[in-house]
Amino acid sequence: MQQAHSVTIIPVYFDSRNMDELKRAVKQIKDSKKKIDILVNNSGIGYNALFQISSLDKLKEIFDVNFIAPFVFTQYLTKLMVRQKSGNIITISSTTALDANDGKAVYGSSKAAIICMTKVIASELKTFGIRANSIAPGLTDTDMLLLLPREIILNSSRQNGIAKPS
């Protein structure tokens, strides 16, 4: 793909829960002196529990990974995008942010926060040539599906036309 389209893709790996690693990743990107065309925020961990039994510790953990880390990372990288007067930001949310399903208060809220953040970024940074969009996929065959009871997966598959996971 890189050769066919004459582009350079430089993946940068870090643990988004570790702010020191996040800052090192930003420094690595900055030191590369490469133009940043696209930022894809695709971090997420799932959590299923009824609202009344969701602990504060779990709430903090989910928001740290699903919202705070992408928020901070985007803040750092948009400073570079503003200087270059261009860039595209794609955040991965979830239909759970819109559906308000039982047991999804914490996860859904973290992904709803991503949608709100993206709308604000799109409005605030458009004058700098920066676009921001959010994608909200439904159930996707990833390891996060292992956290869901099979009944929920099958029910969602029937309601939304999603193919049953294997």
N, C-alpha and C. Protein backbone atom coordinates (compact mmCIF):
# COMPACT_ATOMS: atom_id res chain seq x y z
N MET A 1 0.81 -1.19 0.00
CA MET A 1 0.00 0.00 0.00
C MET A 1 0.87 1.26 0.00
N GLN A 2 1.91 1.26 0.80
CA GLN A 2 2.77 2.44 0.87
C GLN A 2 3.37 2.77 -0.50
N GLN A 3 3.89 1.75 -1.18
CA GLN A 3 4.52 1.98 -2.47
C GLN A 3 3.48 2.32 -3.55
N ALA A 4 2.36 1.64 -3.52
CA ALA A 4 1.33 1.86 -4.53
C ALA A 4 0.78 3.28 -4.50
N HIS A 5 0.75 3.88 -3.32
CA HIS A 5 0.17 5.21 -3.18
C HIS A 5 1.20 6.28 -2.83
N SER A 6 2.46 5.91 -2.84
CA SER A 6 3.56 6.85 -2.54
C SER A 6 3.34 7.57 -1.21
N VAL A 7 3.03 6.80 -0.19
CA VAL A 7 2.84 7.37 1.15
C VAL A 7 3.77 6.65 2.12
N THR A 8 3.99 7.29 3.24
CA THR A 8 4.77 6.68 4.31
C THR A 8 3.86 6.52 5.52
N ILE A 9 3.80 5.32 6.02
CA ILE A 9 3.01 5.05 7.22
C ILE A 9 3.99 4.67 8.31
N ILE A 10 3.96 5.44 9.39
CA ILE A 10 4.88 5.18 10.50
C ILE A 10 4.04 4.89 11.74
N PRO A 11 3.85 3.62 12.07
CA PRO A 11 3.08 3.32 13.28
C PRO A 11 3.90 3.67 14.52
N VAL A 12 3.21 4.20 15.51
CA VAL A 12 3.85 4.54 16.79
C VAL A 12 3.07 3.80 17.87
N TYR A 13 3.75 2.96 18.62
CA TYR A 13 3.09 2.13 19.62
C TYR A 13 3.38 2.66 21.02
N PHE A 14 2.34 2.68 21.86
CA PHE A 14 2.50 3.08 23.25
C PHE A 14 1.26 2.64 24.03
N ASP A 15 1.42 2.57 25.35
CA ASP A 15 0.31 2.25 26.22
C ASP A 15 -0.39 3.56 26.56
N SER A 16 -1.61 3.72 26.08
CA SER A 16 -2.31 5.00 26.26
C SER A 16 -2.65 5.30 27.72
N ARG A 17 -2.53 4.30 28.59
CA ARG A 17 -2.77 4.54 30.02
C ARG A 17 -1.57 5.15 30.70
N ASN A 18 -0.43 5.14 30.00
CA ASN A 18 0.81 5.63 30.58
C ASN A 18 1.16 6.98 29.93
N MET A 19 0.96 8.07 30.67
CA MET A 19 1.17 9.41 30.11
C MET A 19 2.64 9.64 29.71
N ASP A 20 3.59 9.00 30.37
CA ASP A 20 4.99 9.14 29.96
C ASP A 20 5.21 8.51 28.58
N GLU A 21 4.62 7.33 28.36
CA GLU A 21 4.73 6.69 27.05
C GLU A 21 4.02 7.51 25.99
N LEU A 22 2.88 8.08 26.33
CA LEU A 22 2.15 8.92 25.40
C LEU A 22 3.00 10.12 24.98
N LYS A 23 3.63 10.77 25.96
CA LYS A 23 4.48 11.92 25.66
C LYS A 23 5.68 11.52 24.81
N ARG A 24 6.26 10.34 25.10
CA ARG A 24 7.39 9.86 24.28
C ARG A 24 6.94 9.61 22.84
N ALA A 25 5.74 9.10 22.67
CA ALA A 25 5.20 8.86 21.33
C ALA A 25 5.05 10.18 20.58
N VAL A 26 4.54 11.19 21.26
CA VAL A 26 4.39 12.50 20.65
C VAL A 26 5.75 13.06 20.26
N LYS A 27 6.72 12.89 21.14
CA LYS A 27 8.08 13.37 20.84
C LYS A 27 8.65 12.65 19.63
N GLN A 28 8.44 11.34 19.55
CA GLN A 28 8.90 10.55 18.40
C GLN A 28 8.27 11.08 17.10
N ILE A 29 6.98 11.37 17.16
CA ILE A 29 6.28 11.89 15.98
C ILE A 29 6.83 13.27 15.62
N LYS A 30 6.97 14.10 16.62
CA LYS A 30 7.48 15.46 16.39
C LYS A 30 8.90 15.44 15.83
N ASP A 31 9.75 14.58 16.39
CA ASP A 31 11.15 14.47 15.96
C ASP A 31 11.30 13.93 14.54
N SER A 32 10.28 13.22 14.06
CA SER A 32 10.35 12.67 12.71
C SER A 32 10.28 13.77 11.65
N LYS A 33 9.77 14.93 12.05
CA LYS A 33 9.63 16.08 11.14
C LYS A 33 8.74 15.77 9.94
N LYS A 34 7.93 14.75 10.05
CA LYS A 34 7.00 14.38 8.98
C LYS A 34 5.68 15.12 9.18
N LYS A 35 5.03 15.41 8.08
CA LYS A 35 3.71 16.00 8.12
C LYS A 35 2.73 14.97 8.65
N ILE A 36 1.83 15.40 9.51
CA ILE A 36 0.80 14.50 10.04
C ILE A 36 -0.46 14.71 9.23
N ASP A 37 -0.79 13.74 8.41
CA ASP A 37 -2.00 13.83 7.60
C ASP A 37 -3.22 13.33 8.34
N ILE A 38 -3.05 12.21 9.06
CA ILE A 38 -4.20 11.56 9.69
C ILE A 38 -3.83 11.06 11.09
N LEU A 39 -4.72 11.31 12.01
CA LEU A 39 -4.65 10.72 13.35
C LEU A 39 -5.91 9.89 13.51
N VAL A 40 -5.74 8.61 13.84
CA VAL A 40 -6.88 7.74 14.12
C VAL A 40 -6.81 7.36 15.60
N ASN A 41 -7.78 7.81 16.35
CA ASN A 41 -7.89 7.43 17.77
C ASN A 41 -8.77 6.20 17.85
N ASN A 42 -8.13 5.06 18.11
CA ASN A 42 -8.84 3.80 18.13
C ASN A 42 -8.53 3.03 19.41
N SER A 43 -8.58 3.73 20.52
CA SER A 43 -8.33 3.02 21.76
C SER A 43 -9.66 2.73 22.44
N GLY A 44 -9.72 1.60 23.07
CA GLY A 44 -10.96 1.28 23.75
C GLY A 44 -10.88 -0.02 24.52
N ILE A 45 -11.45 0.00 25.70
CA ILE A 45 -11.65 -1.23 26.46
C ILE A 45 -13.12 -1.26 26.85
N GLY A 46 -13.68 -2.42 26.86
CA GLY A 46 -15.09 -2.58 27.14
C GLY A 46 -15.36 -2.80 28.62
N TYR A 47 -16.61 -2.61 28.98
CA TYR A 47 -17.04 -2.85 30.35
C TYR A 47 -18.55 -3.02 30.35
N ASN A 48 -19.02 -4.04 31.02
CA ASN A 48 -20.45 -4.32 31.11
C ASN A 48 -20.83 -4.48 32.58
N ALA A 49 -21.65 -3.58 33.06
CA ALA A 49 -22.18 -3.68 34.42
C ALA A 49 -23.36 -2.73 34.55
N LEU A 50 -24.31 -3.12 35.32
CA LEU A 50 -25.44 -2.24 35.56
C LEU A 50 -24.97 -0.95 36.21
N PHE A 51 -25.67 0.13 35.93
CA PHE A 51 -25.32 1.45 36.44
C PHE A 51 -25.09 1.44 37.95
N GLN A 52 -25.99 0.83 38.69
CA GLN A 52 -25.93 0.88 40.15
C GLN A 52 -24.77 0.10 40.76
N ILE A 53 -24.16 -0.79 39.99
CA ILE A 53 -23.03 -1.54 40.56
C ILE A 53 -21.71 -1.22 39.87
N SER A 54 -21.70 -0.18 39.04
CA SER A 54 -20.45 0.24 38.38
C SER A 54 -19.60 1.01 39.39
N SER A 55 -18.38 0.51 39.59
CA SER A 55 -17.51 1.13 40.60
C SER A 55 -16.80 2.36 40.06
N LEU A 56 -16.42 3.23 40.96
CA LEU A 56 -15.67 4.43 40.60
C LEU A 56 -14.33 4.05 39.97
N ASP A 57 -13.68 3.02 40.49
CA ASP A 57 -12.40 2.57 39.92
C ASP A 57 -12.56 2.16 38.46
N LYS A 58 -13.61 1.42 38.16
CA LYS A 58 -13.85 0.97 36.78
C LYS A 58 -14.20 2.16 35.90
N LEU A 59 -14.99 3.07 36.41
CA LEU A 59 -15.34 4.28 35.67
C LEU A 59 -14.07 5.04 35.27
N LYS A 60 -13.17 5.22 36.22
CA LYS A 60 -11.91 5.93 35.95
C LYS A 60 -11.06 5.18 34.93
N GLU A 61 -10.96 3.86 35.07
CA GLU A 61 -10.16 3.06 34.14
C GLU A 61 -10.68 3.17 32.71
N ILE A 62 -11.99 3.02 32.55
CA ILE A 62 -12.59 3.07 31.21
C ILE A 62 -12.42 4.46 30.61
N PHE A 63 -12.68 5.51 31.37
CA PHE A 63 -12.53 6.86 30.85
C PHE A 63 -11.07 7.20 30.58
N ASP A 64 -10.15 6.69 31.37
CA ASP A 64 -8.72 6.93 31.11
C ASP A 64 -8.32 6.42 29.72
N VAL A 65 -8.75 5.22 29.39
CA VAL A 65 -8.37 4.62 28.11
C VAL A 65 -9.24 5.12 26.97
N ASN A 66 -10.55 5.14 27.16
CA ASN A 66 -11.46 5.43 26.05
C ASN A 66 -11.63 6.91 25.75
N PHE A 67 -11.36 7.78 26.73
CA PHE A 67 -11.57 9.20 26.49
C PHE A 67 -10.36 10.07 26.82
N ILE A 68 -9.83 9.96 28.01
CA ILE A 68 -8.76 10.89 28.42
C ILE A 68 -7.52 10.74 27.57
N ALA A 69 -7.06 9.52 27.34
CA ALA A 69 -5.84 9.33 26.52
C ALA A 69 -6.04 9.86 25.10
N PRO A 70 -7.14 9.53 24.40
CA PRO A 70 -7.33 10.12 23.07
C PRO A 70 -7.45 11.65 23.11
N PHE A 71 -8.06 12.17 24.15
CA PHE A 71 -8.21 13.62 24.29
C PHE A 71 -6.83 14.28 24.39
N VAL A 72 -5.99 13.77 25.29
CA VAL A 72 -4.66 14.35 25.50
C VAL A 72 -3.78 14.17 24.27
N PHE A 73 -3.81 12.97 23.69
CA PHE A 73 -3.00 12.69 22.50
C PHE A 73 -3.40 13.63 21.36
N THR A 74 -4.70 13.82 21.20
CA THR A 74 -5.19 14.71 20.15
C THR A 74 -4.78 16.16 20.42
N GLN A 75 -4.81 16.57 21.67
CA GLN A 75 -4.34 17.92 22.00
C GLN A 75 -2.90 18.12 21.55
N TYR A 76 -2.04 17.17 21.87
CA TYR A 76 -0.63 17.28 21.48
C TYR A 76 -0.47 17.33 19.96
N LEU A 77 -1.14 16.41 19.27
CA LEU A 77 -0.94 16.33 17.82
C LEU A 77 -1.61 17.46 17.05
N THR A 78 -2.70 18.00 17.59
CA THR A 78 -3.33 19.11 16.87
C THR A 78 -2.46 20.36 16.92
N LYS A 79 -1.61 20.48 17.92
CA LYS A 79 -0.66 21.61 17.93
C LYS A 79 0.24 21.54 16.70
N LEU A 80 0.66 20.34 16.34
CA LEU A 80 1.49 20.16 15.15
C LEU A 80 0.66 20.38 13.88
N MET A 81 -0.58 19.90 13.88
CA MET A 81 -1.46 20.07 12.72
C MET A 81 -1.78 21.55 12.48
N VAL A 82 -1.98 22.30 13.55
CA VAL A 82 -2.27 23.74 13.42
C VAL A 82 -1.09 24.44 12.73
N ARG A 83 0.13 24.08 13.12
CA ARG A 83 1.32 24.68 12.49
C ARG A 83 1.39 24.38 11.01
N GLN A 84 0.99 23.18 10.63
CA GLN A 84 1.06 22.81 9.21
C GLN A 84 -0.22 23.21 8.46
N LYS A 85 -1.21 23.70 9.21
CA LYS A 85 -2.49 24.16 8.65
C LYS A 85 -3.27 23.08 7.89
N SER A 86 -3.16 21.86 8.39
CA SER A 86 -3.93 20.77 7.79
C SER A 86 -3.88 19.55 8.70
N GLY A 87 -4.82 18.63 8.45
CA GLY A 87 -4.84 17.37 9.18
C GLY A 87 -6.24 16.80 9.24
N ASN A 88 -6.30 15.52 9.48
CA ASN A 88 -7.57 14.81 9.61
C ASN A 88 -7.54 13.98 10.88
N ILE A 89 -8.59 14.09 11.67
CA ILE A 89 -8.69 13.34 12.91
C ILE A 89 -9.91 12.44 12.81
N ILE A 90 -9.70 11.16 13.05
CA ILE A 90 -10.79 10.19 13.05
C ILE A 90 -10.82 9.54 14.42
N THR A 91 -11.95 9.63 15.09
CA THR A 91 -12.08 8.98 16.39
C THR A 91 -13.07 7.82 16.24
N ILE A 92 -12.73 6.74 16.90
CA ILE A 92 -13.61 5.56 16.86
C ILE A 92 -14.45 5.56 18.13
N SER A 93 -15.74 5.68 17.96
CA SER A 93 -16.68 5.66 19.06
C SER A 93 -17.38 4.31 19.06
N SER A 94 -18.68 4.31 19.23
CA SER A 94 -19.45 3.06 19.25
C SER A 94 -20.93 3.39 19.19
N THR A 95 -21.70 2.50 18.58
CA THR A 95 -23.15 2.70 18.60
C THR A 95 -23.68 2.67 20.03
N THR A 96 -22.91 2.09 20.93
CA THR A 96 -23.29 2.06 22.34
C THR A 96 -23.41 3.48 22.90
N ALA A 97 -22.67 4.41 22.35
CA ALA A 97 -22.75 5.81 22.78
C ALA A 97 -24.12 6.40 22.46
N LEU A 98 -24.80 5.83 21.50
CA LEU A 98 -26.08 6.36 21.04
C LEU A 98 -27.27 5.53 21.51
N ASP A 99 -27.05 4.24 21.82
CA ASP A 99 -28.14 3.31 22.09
C ASP A 99 -28.63 3.27 23.53
N ALA A 100 -27.79 3.59 24.49
CA ALA A 100 -28.15 3.55 25.91
C ALA A 100 -28.67 2.19 26.34
N ASN A 101 -27.91 1.15 26.02
CA ASN A 101 -28.29 -0.22 26.41
C ASN A 101 -27.99 -0.49 27.87
N ASP A 102 -28.80 -1.34 28.49
CA ASP A 102 -28.55 -1.75 29.87
C ASP A 102 -27.13 -2.28 30.00
N GLY A 103 -26.49 -1.96 31.10
CA GLY A 103 -25.15 -2.45 31.37
C GLY A 103 -24.04 -1.68 30.67
N LYS A 104 -24.40 -0.64 29.94
CA LYS A 104 -23.40 0.10 29.14
C LYS A 104 -23.24 1.56 29.57
N ALA A 105 -23.63 1.90 30.79
CA ALA A 105 -23.54 3.30 31.23
C ALA A 105 -22.10 3.81 31.18
N VAL A 106 -21.16 3.03 31.65
CA VAL A 106 -19.77 3.49 31.71
C VAL A 106 -19.14 3.50 30.32
N TYR A 107 -19.17 2.37 29.62
CA TYR A 107 -18.57 2.28 28.29
C TYR A 107 -19.25 3.25 27.32
N GLY A 108 -20.58 3.25 27.29
CA GLY A 108 -21.32 4.12 26.39
C GLY A 108 -21.04 5.59 26.65
N SER A 109 -20.95 5.96 27.91
CA SER A 109 -20.64 7.35 28.26
C SER A 109 -19.25 7.75 27.79
N SER A 110 -18.29 6.85 27.91
CA SER A 110 -16.93 7.17 27.46
C SER A 110 -16.89 7.36 25.95
N LYS A 111 -17.66 6.56 25.22
CA LYS A 111 -17.69 6.69 23.77
C LYS A 111 -18.55 7.87 23.32
N ALA A 112 -19.56 8.25 24.11
CA ALA A 112 -20.34 9.46 23.82
C ALA A 112 -19.46 10.69 24.01
N ALA A 113 -18.59 10.66 25.00
CA ALA A 113 -17.66 11.77 25.23
C ALA A 113 -16.74 11.95 24.02
N ILE A 114 -16.34 10.83 23.40
CA ILE A 114 -15.51 10.88 22.19
C ILE A 114 -16.25 11.60 21.06
N ILE A 115 -17.53 11.30 20.90
CA ILE A 115 -18.32 11.95 19.85
C ILE A 115 -18.40 13.45 20.10
N CYS A 116 -18.68 13.84 21.33
CA CYS A 116 -18.75 15.26 21.67
C CYS A 116 -17.41 15.94 21.42
N MET A 117 -16.32 15.33 21.88
CA MET A 117 -14.98 15.88 21.66
C MET A 117 -14.73 16.11 20.17
N THR A 118 -15.09 15.13 19.36
CA THR A 118 -14.86 15.22 17.92
C THR A 118 -15.64 16.37 17.30
N LYS A 119 -16.88 16.55 17.71
CA LYS A 119 -17.69 17.65 17.19
C LYS A 119 -17.07 19.01 17.55
N VAL A 120 -16.58 19.11 18.77
CA VAL A 120 -15.96 20.36 19.22
C VAL A 120 -14.67 20.62 18.44
N ILE A 121 -13.85 19.59 18.28
CA ILE A 121 -12.60 19.72 17.52
C ILE A 121 -12.92 20.18 16.09
N ALA A 122 -13.91 19.55 15.47
CA ALA A 122 -14.27 19.90 14.09
C ALA A 122 -14.64 21.38 13.99
N SER A 123 -15.37 21.87 14.96
CA SER A 123 -15.79 23.27 14.96
C SER A 123 -14.62 24.22 15.26
N GLU A 124 -13.85 23.90 16.30
CA GLU A 124 -12.77 24.80 16.73
C GLU A 124 -11.59 24.84 15.77
N LEU A 125 -11.30 23.75 15.10
CA LEU A 125 -10.07 23.68 14.30
C LEU A 125 -10.28 23.77 12.79
N LYS A 126 -11.52 23.92 12.36
CA LYS A 126 -11.77 23.98 10.91
C LYS A 126 -11.06 25.15 10.25
N THR A 127 -10.89 26.26 10.95
CA THR A 127 -10.21 27.42 10.36
C THR A 127 -8.72 27.17 10.15
N PHE A 128 -8.20 26.10 10.74
CA PHE A 128 -6.80 25.72 10.55
C PHE A 128 -6.64 24.61 9.52
N GLY A 129 -7.72 24.30 8.80
CA GLY A 129 -7.66 23.26 7.78
C GLY A 129 -7.67 21.85 8.36
N ILE A 130 -8.15 21.72 9.58
CA ILE A 130 -8.19 20.42 10.25
C ILE A 130 -9.63 19.92 10.28
N ARG A 131 -9.83 18.69 9.83
CA ARG A 131 -11.14 18.06 9.85
C ARG A 131 -11.17 17.00 10.94
N ALA A 132 -12.33 16.80 11.52
CA ALA A 132 -12.49 15.76 12.54
C ALA A 132 -13.82 15.06 12.33
N ASN A 133 -13.77 13.74 12.37
CA ASN A 133 -14.97 12.91 12.21
C ASN A 133 -14.89 11.73 13.17
N SER A 134 -16.05 11.25 13.54
CA SER A 134 -16.13 10.09 14.42
C SER A 134 -16.88 8.98 13.71
N ILE A 135 -16.45 7.77 13.94
CA ILE A 135 -17.10 6.57 13.41
C ILE A 135 -17.65 5.79 14.60
N ALA A 136 -18.90 5.37 14.51
CA ALA A 136 -19.53 4.64 15.61
C ALA A 136 -19.98 3.26 15.13
N PRO A 137 -19.04 2.30 15.07
CA PRO A 137 -19.43 0.95 14.63
C PRO A 137 -20.25 0.23 15.70
N GLY A 138 -21.00 -0.74 15.25
CA GLY A 138 -21.73 -1.61 16.17
C GLY A 138 -20.82 -2.75 16.60
N LEU A 139 -21.44 -3.86 16.97
CA LEU A 139 -20.65 -5.02 17.39
C LEU A 139 -19.65 -5.39 16.31
N THR A 140 -18.42 -5.55 16.73
CA THR A 140 -17.34 -5.88 15.81
C THR A 140 -16.60 -7.09 16.37
N ASP A 141 -16.24 -8.00 15.51
CA ASP A 141 -15.60 -9.24 15.93
C ASP A 141 -14.17 -8.99 16.40
N THR A 142 -14.06 -8.54 17.65
CA THR A 142 -12.76 -8.31 18.28
C THR A 142 -12.74 -9.05 19.62
N ASP A 143 -11.63 -8.97 20.31
CA ASP A 143 -11.52 -9.60 21.63
C ASP A 143 -12.52 -9.01 22.63
N MET A 144 -12.97 -7.77 22.39
CA MET A 144 -13.95 -7.17 23.31
C MET A 144 -15.26 -7.95 23.32
N LEU A 145 -15.57 -8.66 22.23
CA LEU A 145 -16.79 -9.47 22.20
C LEU A 145 -16.76 -10.57 23.26
N LEU A 146 -15.56 -10.99 23.63
CA LEU A 146 -15.44 -12.04 24.63
C LEU A 146 -15.99 -11.61 25.98
N LEU A 147 -16.09 -10.30 26.19
CA LEU A 147 -16.60 -9.78 27.46
C LEU A 147 -18.13 -9.82 27.54
N LEU A 148 -18.77 -9.95 26.40
CA LEU A 148 -20.23 -9.91 26.38
C LEU A 148 -20.84 -11.31 26.52
N PRO A 149 -21.93 -11.40 27.25
CA PRO A 149 -22.64 -12.67 27.29
C PRO A 149 -23.17 -13.01 25.89
N ARG A 150 -23.12 -14.27 25.54
CA ARG A 150 -23.55 -14.72 24.20
C ARG A 150 -24.98 -14.27 23.87
N GLU A 151 -25.84 -14.22 24.87
CA GLU A 151 -27.23 -13.81 24.66
C GLU A 151 -27.30 -12.36 24.12
N ILE A 152 -26.47 -11.49 24.63
CA ILE A 152 -26.46 -10.09 24.17
C ILE A 152 -25.95 -10.02 22.73
N ILE A 153 -24.92 -10.80 22.42
CA ILE A 153 -24.37 -10.80 21.06
C ILE A 153 -25.43 -11.28 20.07
N LEU A 154 -26.09 -12.38 20.40
CA LEU A 154 -27.10 -12.94 19.49
C LEU A 154 -28.29 -12.00 19.35
N ASN A 155 -28.72 -11.40 20.46
CA ASN A 155 -29.84 -10.47 20.43
C ASN A 155 -29.50 -9.25 19.56
N SER A 156 -28.32 -8.70 19.74
CA SER A 156 -27.89 -7.55 18.95
C SER A 156 -27.77 -7.93 17.48
N SER A 157 -27.29 -9.13 17.21
CA SER A 157 -27.16 -9.59 15.84
C SER A 157 -28.52 -9.66 15.16
N ARG A 158 -29.52 -10.15 15.87
CA ARG A 158 -30.87 -10.26 15.30
C ARG A 158 -31.46 -8.87 15.06
N GLN A 159 -31.28 -7.95 16.02
CA GLN A 159 -31.88 -6.62 15.92
C GLN A 159 -31.22 -5.76 14.85
N ASN A 160 -29.92 -5.88 14.70
CA ASN A 160 -29.18 -4.96 13.84
C ASN A 160 -28.68 -5.59 12.54
N GLY A 161 -29.04 -6.84 12.31
CA GLY A 161 -28.58 -7.49 11.07
C GLY A 161 -27.10 -7.77 11.06
N ILE A 162 -26.48 -7.84 12.22
CA ILE A 162 -25.06 -8.11 12.31
C ILE A 162 -24.86 -9.62 12.24
N ALA A 163 -23.90 -10.03 11.46
CA ALA A 163 -23.61 -11.46 11.34
C ALA A 163 -23.16 -12.00 12.69
N LYS A 164 -23.63 -13.22 12.99
CA LYS A 164 -23.23 -13.85 14.25
C LYS A 164 -21.72 -14.05 14.25
N PRO A 165 -21.07 -13.72 15.38
CA PRO A 165 -19.65 -14.02 15.48
C PRO A 165 -19.41 -15.52 15.54
N SER A 166 -18.30 -15.96 15.02
CA SER A 166 -18.02 -17.40 15.02
C SER A 166 -17.47 -17.86 16.34
